């Protein structure tokens, strides 16, 4: 089943364009990893007033921010403590799954390991830059080989850790596959890995699974009252256990909703429109309505203006309002080799070209001299054909 799963995932990566190409630049793995204590750290918590600090990525981005919320955090932590024996037994009984979970967690917190708001350590350098050093990579490989040999000796020779054999086999298979792929085509593997800038999202699978498991475990524990003061089954006879479960779930839900209100308001506050922007988009739509087609320069990423992405979005929104065709796309991940070197396309009499840079930008995006351009904002210029 593991091979079948890998084949299906690989097939989808091919179909969805996730394999490296000139359209996607290498570089960025772990840029948006998660903080080790992020899931339970009260970030933007309503129930812990005064904690306004988010555990941001080293680049200051919130894309790596992960927080369970009070209700989910209480449920997960409580079940890890109360059901620790069951958790340990399940981890041993399902070591293949446990190994994959640990690998996902390792990917989510690397390469910049962050613990709390202050402690940070780049184990392998920024974006694994130390791995490019042959001596360092060789030393790291030697250390890992020695640790692997010791682990194999403890499992298969001393047999003191024989119970971990399935997990060791799984981890060994993952490591061997990574080594072989890297040895065969190092650049290809590097480019694939580097695409996962938001590596913290590997935690999503683990986090949602932990929350679901904790609620199921809570229902079973409260319902059965295995170590409760009342005789087992007494509450079930009177329907009390059902109410206890419902009350516990309700309390967690209330805590979750109350604690995460700031997150729910963040998206509309950050991405919502304003009267000024709305008026500008409507005016832009009126201009675009005079043409039959809008062409967007694919080198929009060249702009250094802080509102460059918003300008692109405004063009798309305005074209939709004006019911005008758009025949190009946003190339924000175009190869860095071609950065700011794309020549603006020739447009027809009934077309408008949306350029991502100010006309006087350096280096400027070259465009045919027969175009007449006007600056609409700091990050947007519209060009019209000056021909007959």
Protein backbone atom coordinates (compact mmCIF):
# COMPACT_ATOMS: atom_id res chain seq x y z
CA UNK A 1 0.00 0.00 0.00
CA UNK A 2 2.94 2.33 0.67
CA UNK A 3 4.19 1.96 -2.92
CA UNK A 4 0.68 2.50 -4.27
CA UNK A 5 0.30 5.64 -2.15
CA UNK A 6 3.64 6.99 -3.36
CA UNK A 7 2.67 6.27 -6.97
CA UNK A 8 -0.68 8.08 -6.62
CA UNK A 9 0.95 11.11 -4.95
CA UNK A 10 3.66 11.19 -7.60
CA UNK A 11 1.07 10.99 -10.36
CA UNK A 12 -0.87 13.92 -8.94
CA UNK A 13 2.32 15.96 -8.61
CA UNK A 14 2.98 15.40 -12.30
CA UNK A 15 -0.58 16.28 -13.34
CA UNK A 16 -0.74 19.40 -11.15
CA UNK A 17 2.66 20.69 -12.23
CA UNK A 18 4.50 20.30 -8.94
CA UNK A 19 7.62 18.84 -10.49
CA UNK A 20 10.41 21.37 -11.02
CA UNK A 21 10.50 23.32 -14.22
CA UNK A 22 11.65 26.69 -15.47
CA UNK A 23 8.31 28.10 -14.36
CA UNK A 24 9.04 27.47 -10.66
CA UNK A 25 12.29 28.76 -9.16
CA UNK A 26 14.21 26.63 -6.67
CA UNK A 27 14.71 27.97 -3.19
CA UNK A 28 12.46 28.45 -0.24
CA UNK A 29 11.95 25.19 1.63
CA UNK A 30 11.07 25.90 5.23
CA UNK A 31 10.61 29.64 4.73
CA UNK A 32 7.23 29.31 6.40
CA UNK A 33 7.82 26.49 8.87
CA UNK A 34 5.93 26.31 12.16
CA UNK A 35 7.10 27.14 15.64
CA UNK A 36 7.62 24.02 17.77
CA UNK A 37 5.28 25.32 20.50
CA UNK A 38 3.03 27.19 18.07
CA UNK A 39 0.01 24.83 18.24
CA UNK A 40 -0.47 25.42 21.98
CA UNK A 41 1.03 28.91 22.32
CA UNK A 42 -1.83 31.41 22.93
CA UNK A 43 -1.27 33.56 19.85
CA UNK A 44 -3.89 36.24 19.32
CA UNK A 45 -5.88 34.53 22.01
CA UNK A 46 -9.04 36.19 23.25
CA UNK A 47 -8.98 34.20 26.49
CA UNK A 48 -5.43 35.30 27.28
CA UNK A 49 -5.67 39.09 26.83
CA UNK A 50 -2.52 41.02 26.13
CA UNK A 51 -0.79 38.32 24.09
CA UNK A 52 -0.75 40.08 20.75
CA UNK A 53 2.46 38.51 19.49
CA UNK A 54 2.28 35.97 16.69
CA UNK A 55 5.04 33.40 16.33
CA UNK A 56 5.96 34.53 12.84
CA UNK A 57 8.48 32.98 10.48
CA UNK A 58 11.99 34.46 10.32
CA UNK A 59 10.80 36.48 7.30
CA UNK A 60 8.01 37.97 9.39
CA UNK A 61 5.27 36.10 7.53
CA UNK A 62 2.14 34.72 9.19
CA UNK A 63 1.94 31.81 6.71
CA UNK A 64 3.71 29.55 9.20
CA UNK A 65 1.48 30.48 12.13
CA UNK A 66 -0.31 27.48 13.66
CA UNK A 67 -2.51 27.60 16.75
CA UNK A 68 -5.00 24.98 17.88
CA UNK A 69 -7.26 27.41 19.73
CA UNK A 70 -8.19 27.06 23.39
CA UNK A 71 -10.83 24.37 22.93
CA UNK A 72 -8.76 22.14 20.66
CA UNK A 73 -5.56 22.74 22.65
CA UNK A 74 -7.24 21.71 25.92
CA UNK A 75 -8.69 18.61 24.27
CA UNK A 76 -5.40 17.51 22.66
CA UNK A 77 -3.22 18.17 25.73
CA UNK A 78 -5.73 16.60 28.12
CA UNK A 79 -6.03 13.44 26.06
CA UNK A 80 -2.24 13.17 25.63
CA UNK A 81 -1.98 13.19 29.43
CA UNK A 82 -5.05 11.17 30.37
CA UNK A 83 -4.69 8.63 27.56
CA UNK A 84 -0.89 8.46 27.52
CA UNK A 85 -0.83 4.67 27.84
CA UNK A 86 -3.29 4.25 25.00
CA UNK A 87 -1.32 6.75 22.89
CA UNK A 88 1.93 4.87 23.51
CA UNK A 89 0.28 1.54 22.71
CA UNK A 90 -1.28 2.90 19.51
CA UNK A 91 2.08 4.37 18.43
CA UNK A 92 3.73 0.96 18.85
CA UNK A 93 0.87 -0.92 17.18
CA UNK A 94 0.92 1.41 14.17
CA UNK A 95 4.61 2.20 13.81
CA UNK A 96 4.47 2.80 10.06
CA UNK A 97 1.89 5.54 10.55
CA UNK A 98 3.79 6.87 13.57
CA UNK A 99 6.98 7.12 11.52
CA UNK A 100 5.25 9.08 8.76
CA UNK A 101 3.77 11.43 11.38
CA UNK A 102 7.23 12.05 12.86
CA UNK A 103 8.66 12.71 9.39
CA UNK A 104 5.88 15.22 8.68
CA UNK A 105 6.57 16.95 12.00
CA UNK A 106 10.28 17.10 11.21
CA UNK A 107 9.54 18.68 7.82
CA UNK A 108 7.16 21.18 9.41
CA UNK A 109 9.68 22.59 11.90
CA UNK A 110 12.83 22.65 9.74
CA UNK A 111 15.23 23.98 8.64
CA UNK A 112 14.86 26.93 11.04
CA UNK A 113 13.84 25.37 14.36
CA UNK A 114 11.91 27.93 16.42
CA UNK A 115 10.79 27.46 20.02
CA UNK A 116 8.73 30.31 21.38
CA UNK A 117 9.17 33.95 20.33
CA UNK A 118 12.92 34.20 20.94
CA UNK A 119 14.81 30.91 20.43
CA UNK A 120 15.79 30.07 16.87
CA UNK A 121 18.50 27.81 15.51
CA UNK A 122 19.27 27.00 11.87
CA UNK A 123 20.44 23.40 12.14
CA UNK A 124 21.44 23.17 8.50
CA UNK A 125 21.66 26.84 7.67
CA UNK A 126 19.06 29.00 5.99
CA UNK A 127 17.22 26.81 3.48
CA UNK A 128 19.72 23.96 4.04
CA UNK A 129 22.55 26.10 2.70
CA UNK A 130 25.12 24.16 4.74
CA UNK A 131 24.30 21.03 2.76
CA UNK A 132 25.94 22.66 -0.24
CA UNK A 133 29.26 22.41 1.58
CA UNK A 134 30.77 19.04 0.68
CA UNK A 135 32.75 18.66 3.95
CA UNK A 136 29.70 19.50 6.07
CA UNK A 137 27.42 17.21 4.06
CA UNK A 138 29.97 14.38 4.32
CA UNK A 139 30.30 14.89 8.08
CA UNK A 140 26.53 14.94 8.51
CA UNK A 141 26.19 11.78 6.42
CA UNK A 142 28.82 10.05 8.55
CA UNK A 143 27.03 11.01 11.78
CA UNK A 144 23.69 9.77 10.45
CA UNK A 145 25.30 6.53 9.26
CA UNK A 146 26.80 5.89 12.72
CA UNK A 147 23.49 6.62 14.44
CA UNK A 148 21.70 4.34 11.99
CA UNK A 149 24.20 1.55 12.61
CA UNK A 150 23.77 1.88 16.38
CA UNK A 151 19.99 1.77 16.02
CA UNK A 152 20.14 -1.31 13.79
CA UNK A 153 22.47 -3.01 16.27
CA UNK A 154 20.09 -2.32 19.15
CA UNK A 155 17.12 -3.61 17.16
CA UNK A 156 18.51 -6.65 15.39
CA UNK A 157 21.57 -7.71 17.41
CA UNK A 158 20.94 -6.79 21.01
CA UNK A 159 17.19 -6.92 20.38
CA UNK A 160 16.66 -4.50 23.24
CA UNK A 161 14.59 -2.34 20.86
CA UNK A 162 13.17 -5.17 18.77
CA UNK A 163 9.68 -3.85 19.35
CA UNK A 164 10.61 -0.89 17.15
CA UNK A 165 11.47 -3.05 14.13
CA UNK A 166 8.52 -1.90 11.91
CA UNK A 167 9.29 1.75 12.59
CA UNK A 168 13.00 1.27 11.93
CA UNK A 169 12.24 -0.49 8.65
CA UNK A 170 9.93 2.35 7.59
CA UNK A 171 12.39 5.09 8.53
CA UNK A 172 15.18 3.17 6.81
CA UNK A 173 13.12 2.80 3.63
CA UNK A 174 12.36 6.54 3.57
CA UNK A 175 16.00 7.42 4.17
CA UNK A 176 17.30 4.93 1.60
CA UNK A 177 14.86 6.23 -1.03
CA UNK A 178 15.96 9.81 -0.34
CA UNK A 179 19.64 8.83 -0.59
CA UNK A 180 19.18 6.92 -3.85
CA UNK A 181 17.12 9.65 -5.49
CA UNK A 182 19.65 12.27 -4.43
CA UNK A 183 22.54 10.19 -5.72
CA UNK A 184 20.82 9.58 -9.06
CA UNK A 185 19.55 13.11 -9.70
CA UNK A 186 20.55 15.51 -6.92
CA UNK A 187 19.40 18.67 -8.68
CA UNK A 188 15.96 17.26 -9.42
CA UNK A 189 15.42 16.21 -5.78
CA UNK A 190 16.66 19.58 -4.56
CA UNK A 191 14.27 21.44 -6.83
CA UNK A 192 11.31 19.28 -5.73
CA UNK A 193 12.05 19.84 -2.04
CA UNK A 194 12.63 23.56 -2.49
CA UNK A 195 9.09 24.07 -3.76
CA UNK A 196 7.63 23.48 -0.31
CA UNK A 197 8.16 26.98 1.04
CA UNK A 198 5.19 26.70 3.41
CA UNK A 199 6.61 23.57 5.03
CA UNK A 200 4.56 24.28 8.14
CA UNK A 201 1.54 23.00 6.27
CA UNK A 202 2.88 19.49 6.68
CA UNK A 203 1.61 19.89 10.24
CA UNK A 204 -1.96 20.31 9.08
CA UNK A 205 -2.38 16.58 8.56
CA UNK A 206 -0.99 15.87 12.02
CA UNK A 207 -2.85 18.70 13.71
CA UNK A 208 -6.31 17.90 12.34
CA UNK A 209 -5.74 14.22 13.08
CA UNK A 210 -4.78 15.01 16.68
CA UNK A 211 -7.85 17.19 17.18
CA UNK A 212 -10.19 14.54 15.78
CA UNK A 213 -8.58 11.79 17.83
CA UNK A 214 -8.78 13.86 21.02
CA UNK A 215 -12.52 14.43 20.60
CA UNK A 216 -13.16 10.75 19.96
CA UNK A 217 -11.03 9.79 22.98
CA UNK A 218 -12.83 12.37 25.12
CA UNK A 219 -16.20 10.95 24.16
CA UNK A 220 -15.09 7.44 25.08
CA UNK A 221 -13.49 8.45 28.35
CA UNK A 222 -16.31 10.63 29.64
CA UNK A 223 -18.93 8.20 28.41
CA UNK A 224 -17.43 5.16 30.09
CA UNK A 225 -16.24 6.91 33.29
CA UNK A 226 -13.67 4.15 33.71
CA UNK A 227 -12.10 5.70 36.78
CA UNK A 228 -14.97 7.86 37.90
CA UNK A 229 -16.32 8.03 41.41
CA UNK A 230 -19.66 6.57 40.33
CA UNK A 231 -20.22 2.92 39.57
CA UNK A 232 -19.64 2.05 35.94
CA UNK A 233 -22.87 2.11 34.01
CA UNK A 234 -24.76 4.12 36.57
CA UNK A 235 -24.82 7.25 34.48
CA UNK A 236 -25.62 5.36 31.31
CA UNK A 237 -28.83 4.07 32.87
CA UNK A 238 -30.08 7.59 33.44
CA UNK A 239 -28.63 9.09 30.30
CA UNK A 240 -26.15 11.08 32.36
CA UNK A 241 -23.10 10.09 30.33
CA UNK A 242 -24.68 11.42 27.18
CA UNK A 243 -25.21 14.79 28.83
CA UNK A 244 -21.68 14.80 30.22
CA UNK A 245 -20.25 14.20 26.76
CA UNK A 246 -22.50 16.84 25.22
CA UNK A 247 -21.59 19.32 27.95
CA UNK A 248 -17.86 18.70 27.55
CA UNK A 249 -18.05 19.05 23.78
CA UNK A 250 -20.16 22.20 24.12
CA UNK A 251 -17.72 23.77 26.58
CA UNK A 252 -14.80 23.06 24.25
CA UNK A 253 -16.69 24.50 21.30
CA UNK A 254 -17.54 27.70 23.21
CA UNK A 255 -13.92 28.08 24.32
CA UNK A 256 -12.72 27.52 20.75
CA UNK A 257 -15.08 30.09 19.24
CA UNK A 258 -14.35 32.67 21.93
CA UNK A 259 -10.60 32.21 21.77
CA UNK A 260 -10.21 32.39 17.98
CA UNK A 261 -12.46 35.36 17.20
CA UNK A 262 -9.48 37.47 16.18
CA UNK A 263 -8.45 34.94 13.55
CA UNK A 264 -11.92 34.90 12.05
CA UNK A 265 -11.93 38.68 11.72
CA UNK A 266 -8.36 38.84 10.38
CA UNK A 267 -9.10 37.66 6.83
CA UNK A 268 -11.90 40.14 6.04
CA UNK A 269 -9.98 42.92 7.80
CA UNK A 270 -6.75 42.20 5.92
CA UNK A 271 -8.14 41.26 2.54
CA UNK A 272 -11.38 43.20 2.52
CA UNK A 273 -11.95 46.25 0.40
CA UNK A 274 -12.27 49.91 1.32
CA UNK A 275 -14.44 52.64 -0.22
CA UNK A 276 -11.36 54.14 -1.88
CA UNK A 277 -10.20 50.87 -3.39
CA UNK A 278 -13.72 50.01 -4.50
CA UNK A 279 -14.00 53.34 -6.33
CA UNK A 280 -10.62 52.78 -7.98
CA UNK A 281 -11.62 49.29 -9.15
CA UNK A 282 -14.90 50.60 -10.58
CA UNK A 283 -13.02 53.36 -12.44
CA UNK A 284 -10.53 50.77 -13.70
CA UNK A 285 -13.42 48.60 -14.88
CA UNK A 286 -14.83 51.53 -16.86
CA UNK A 287 -11.47 51.93 -18.61
CA UNK A 288 -11.11 48.22 -19.34
CA UNK A 289 -14.67 48.12 -20.71
CA UNK A 290 -13.49 50.18 -23.69
CA UNK A 291 -11.48 47.20 -24.93
CA UNK A 292 -12.30 43.67 -25.97
CA UNK A 293 -9.38 41.99 -24.25
CA UNK A 294 -6.96 42.65 -21.38
CA UNK A 295 -3.47 41.22 -21.60
CA UNK A 296 -1.51 40.92 -18.35
CA UNK A 297 2.28 40.88 -18.55
CA UNK A 298 3.42 37.58 -17.05
CA UNK A 299 6.37 39.26 -15.33
CA UNK A 300 4.21 40.88 -12.68
CA UNK A 301 6.63 39.62 -10.04
CA UNK A 302 9.17 42.19 -11.26
CA UNK A 303 7.45 44.98 -9.41
CA UNK A 304 8.99 46.07 -6.14
CA UNK A 305 5.98 48.15 -5.15
CA UNK A 306 4.40 46.96 -1.87
CA UNK A 307 0.92 46.93 -3.43
CA UNK A 308 1.98 45.02 -6.55
CA UNK A 309 -0.13 41.95 -5.80
CA UNK A 310 -3.15 44.09 -4.92
CA UNK A 311 -2.78 45.91 -8.25
CA UNK A 312 -2.82 42.60 -10.11
CA UNK A 313 -5.91 41.51 -8.19
CA UNK A 314 -7.62 44.81 -8.98
CA UNK A 315 -7.03 44.27 -12.71
CA UNK A 316 -8.59 40.82 -12.57
CA UNK A 317 -11.56 42.07 -10.52
CA UNK A 318 -12.09 45.07 -12.81
CA UNK A 319 -11.93 42.87 -15.93
CA UNK A 320 -14.56 40.61 -14.39
CA UNK A 321 -16.80 43.56 -13.62
CA UNK A 322 -16.38 44.88 -17.16
CA UNK A 323 -16.93 41.39 -18.60
CA UNK A 324 -13.71 41.68 -20.59
CA UNK A 325 -11.62 38.69 -21.59
CA UNK A 326 -8.21 38.16 -19.97
CA UNK A 327 -5.82 36.18 -22.15
CA UNK A 328 -2.83 35.92 -19.82
CA UNK A 329 -2.08 34.81 -16.30
CA UNK A 330 -0.19 35.81 -13.17
CA UNK A 331 3.41 34.55 -13.47
CA UNK A 332 4.49 35.27 -9.92
CA UNK A 333 6.74 32.19 -9.87
CA UNK A 334 8.31 32.60 -13.27
CA UNK A 335 11.93 31.48 -13.41
CA UNK A 336 14.30 33.92 -11.76
CA UNK A 337 16.60 33.51 -14.77
CA UNK A 338 14.06 35.42 -16.85
CA UNK A 339 13.25 37.99 -14.18
CA UNK A 340 12.31 41.35 -15.62
CA UNK A 341 13.49 40.35 -19.09
CA UNK A 342 10.15 39.53 -20.67
CA UNK A 343 9.24 41.80 -23.56
CA UNK A 344 5.73 43.12 -23.38
CA UNK A 345 3.52 41.44 -25.97
CA UNK A 346 2.29 43.29 -29.02
CA UNK A 347 -1.36 44.17 -28.62
CA UNK A 348 -4.10 44.93 -31.04
CA UNK A 349 -6.24 48.00 -31.46
CA UNK A 350 -8.97 46.71 -29.16
CA UNK A 351 -6.67 45.41 -26.43
CA UNK A 352 -5.24 46.86 -23.24
CA UNK A 353 -1.94 45.73 -21.73
CA UNK A 354 -1.62 45.80 -17.93
CA UNK A 355 2.00 46.31 -16.91
CA UNK A 356 3.23 45.48 -13.41
CA UNK A 357 5.90 48.14 -13.04
CA UNK A 358 5.91 51.90 -12.91
CA UNK A 359 6.84 53.26 -16.32
CA UNK A 360 10.04 54.79 -14.92
CA UNK A 361 11.04 51.63 -13.03
CA UNK A 362 14.61 50.37 -13.08
CA UNK A 363 15.18 48.05 -14.79
CA UNK A 364 12.14 48.86 -16.91
CA UNK A 365 10.07 46.24 -18.68
CA UNK A 366 10.69 46.84 -22.40
CA UNK A 367 7.64 47.33 -24.57
CA UNK A 368 7.07 48.35 -28.17
CA UNK A 369 7.36 52.08 -28.78
CA UNK A 370 4.02 52.15 -30.55
CA UNK A 371 2.23 51.69 -27.23
CA UNK A 372 0.79 54.62 -25.34
CA UNK A 373 0.99 54.03 -21.57
CA UNK A 374 -0.49 55.80 -18.59
CA UNK A 375 0.40 55.31 -14.93
CA UNK A 376 -2.65 54.25 -12.90
CA UNK A 377 -0.91 53.66 -9.58
CA UNK A 378 2.52 53.02 -8.13
CA UNK A 379 2.42 49.42 -9.32
CA UNK A 380 0.20 49.55 -12.38
CA UNK A 381 0.38 51.05 -15.85
CA UNK A 382 -2.12 50.53 -18.68
CA UNK A 383 -0.89 50.57 -22.26
CA UNK A 384 -2.94 51.08 -25.42
CA UNK A 385 -2.08 50.50 -29.04
CA UNK A 386 -1.30 53.75 -30.81
CA UNK A 387 -1.85 52.23 -34.23
CA UNK A 388 -4.83 52.78 -36.54
